[in-house]
């Protein structure tokens, strides 16, 4: 059982200096345009606005009513500070992701198709 390790079965070399073309490589790999990235970023911003810390009393009250009488509701009631911290972290992460996508869409970054093989 002799293995020939001199030549790889697949060419793993990726040319990182070549700029990808604006057109898709093939029909199965559609390019993402800047407008779509901006829309996706704005959707992230809208949804993270619902978890905004300034709405924390309303959010905790809503979750308390919805989860009342359940084990998760009891955990929420006993750990309100932890729940507030988690909600604030979700808001910060969602806002950061939304702003990042909007900026990338405006600059035209991340809008290239998959590279040709």
Protein backbone atom coordinates (compact mmCIF):
# COMPACT_ATOMS: atom_id res chain seq x y z
CA UNK A 1 0.00 0.00 0.00
CA UNK A 2 2.14 2.84 -1.35
CA UNK A 3 0.70 6.35 -1.31
CA UNK A 4 1.97 8.90 -3.80
CA UNK A 5 2.12 12.18 -1.87
CA UNK A 6 4.00 14.20 -4.49
CA UNK A 7 0.96 15.76 -6.22
CA UNK A 8 -2.25 16.75 -4.44
CA UNK A 9 -5.52 15.47 -5.87
CA UNK A 10 -7.01 18.98 -5.66
CA UNK A 11 -5.25 22.28 -6.32
CA UNK A 12 -5.45 24.08 -2.96
CA UNK A 13 -3.62 27.22 -4.10
CA UNK A 14 -5.70 30.38 -3.87
CA UNK A 15 -4.44 33.51 -5.60
CA UNK A 16 -5.09 36.23 -3.01
CA UNK A 17 -3.62 39.01 -5.15
CA UNK A 18 -6.21 38.74 -7.91
CA UNK A 19 -9.27 40.92 -7.54
CA UNK A 20 -12.56 39.09 -8.00
CA UNK A 21 -14.74 40.19 -10.86
CA UNK A 22 -18.00 42.03 -10.29
CA UNK A 23 -19.91 39.43 -12.33
CA UNK A 24 -20.85 36.12 -10.75
CA UNK A 25 -18.52 33.21 -11.42
CA UNK A 26 -21.41 31.05 -12.53
CA UNK A 27 -25.19 30.96 -12.28
CA UNK A 28 -25.09 28.96 -9.03
CA UNK A 29 -23.08 31.65 -7.17
CA UNK A 30 -25.07 34.91 -7.33
CA UNK A 31 -23.33 38.12 -6.32
CA UNK A 32 -24.68 40.16 -3.40
CA UNK A 33 -25.20 43.79 -4.32
CA UNK A 34 -24.64 46.74 -2.01
CA UNK A 35 -28.34 47.58 -1.74
CA UNK A 36 -29.13 44.10 -0.42
CA UNK A 37 -26.43 44.46 2.23
CA UNK A 38 -27.80 47.83 3.25
CA UNK A 39 -31.35 46.43 3.53
CA UNK A 40 -30.09 43.52 5.60
CA UNK A 41 -28.17 45.94 7.85
CA UNK A 42 -31.23 48.11 8.33
CA UNK A 43 -33.27 45.04 9.25
CA UNK A 44 -30.66 44.19 11.89
CA UNK A 45 -30.91 47.76 13.22
CA UNK A 46 -34.71 47.67 13.39
CA UNK A 47 -34.81 44.35 15.22
CA UNK A 48 -32.07 45.35 17.64
CA UNK A 49 -34.00 48.58 18.35
CA UNK A 50 -36.68 46.39 19.95
CA UNK A 51 -34.09 45.15 22.45
CA UNK A 52 -32.77 48.67 23.16
CA UNK A 53 -31.86 49.18 26.85
CA UNK A 54 -34.05 52.29 27.01
CA UNK A 55 -37.00 49.94 26.46
CA UNK A 56 -35.74 47.59 29.19
CA UNK A 57 -38.63 48.15 31.64
CA UNK A 58 -41.13 47.48 28.87
CA UNK A 59 -39.19 44.45 27.60
CA UNK A 60 -38.84 42.93 31.08
CA UNK A 61 -42.53 43.62 31.80
CA UNK A 62 -43.57 42.01 28.50
CA UNK A 63 -41.37 38.97 29.11
CA UNK A 64 -42.69 38.72 32.68
CA UNK A 65 -46.30 38.65 31.43
CA UNK A 66 -45.60 36.21 28.60
CA UNK A 67 -43.45 33.88 30.68
CA UNK A 68 -45.48 34.23 33.90
CA UNK A 69 -46.23 30.88 35.56
CA UNK A 70 -43.35 29.10 33.81
CA UNK A 71 -39.94 28.11 35.08
CA UNK A 72 -38.33 30.59 32.71
CA UNK A 73 -40.56 33.32 34.12
CA UNK A 74 -39.37 32.49 37.65
CA UNK A 75 -35.73 32.64 36.50
CA UNK A 76 -36.42 36.01 34.85
CA UNK A 77 -38.06 37.33 38.03
CA UNK A 78 -35.18 36.19 40.25
CA UNK A 79 -32.42 37.37 37.90
CA UNK A 80 -33.66 40.67 36.49
CA UNK A 81 -30.16 42.18 36.42
CA UNK A 82 -28.80 39.24 34.46
CA UNK A 83 -31.73 39.41 32.05
CA UNK A 84 -31.12 43.14 31.60
CA UNK A 85 -27.46 42.46 30.87
CA UNK A 86 -28.33 39.80 28.28
CA UNK A 87 -30.88 42.09 26.61
CA UNK A 88 -28.33 44.92 26.53
CA UNK A 89 -25.69 42.61 25.01
CA UNK A 90 -28.16 41.47 22.34
CA UNK A 91 -28.93 45.10 21.52
CA UNK A 92 -25.25 46.04 21.29
CA UNK A 93 -24.38 43.05 19.09
CA UNK A 94 -27.38 43.60 16.79
CA UNK A 95 -26.65 47.30 16.42
CA UNK A 96 -22.98 46.66 15.69
CA UNK A 97 -23.83 44.02 13.08
CA UNK A 98 -26.42 46.28 11.44
CA UNK A 99 -24.06 49.25 11.24
CA UNK A 100 -21.28 47.02 9.88
CA UNK A 101 -23.53 45.66 7.11
CA UNK A 102 -24.80 49.12 6.17
CA UNK A 103 -21.26 50.50 5.94
CA UNK A 104 -20.04 47.55 3.88
CA UNK A 105 -23.01 47.93 1.54
CA UNK A 106 -22.40 51.64 1.07
CA UNK A 107 -18.72 51.10 0.29
CA UNK A 108 -19.39 48.20 -2.05
CA UNK A 109 -17.35 45.80 0.05
CA UNK A 110 -18.46 42.18 0.46
CA UNK A 111 -20.27 42.40 -2.86
CA UNK A 112 -18.03 40.14 -4.90
CA UNK A 113 -18.92 36.75 -6.33
CA UNK A 114 -17.20 33.51 -5.48
CA UNK A 115 -13.77 33.23 -7.15
CA UNK A 116 -13.31 31.09 -10.26
CA UNK A 117 -11.61 27.74 -9.90
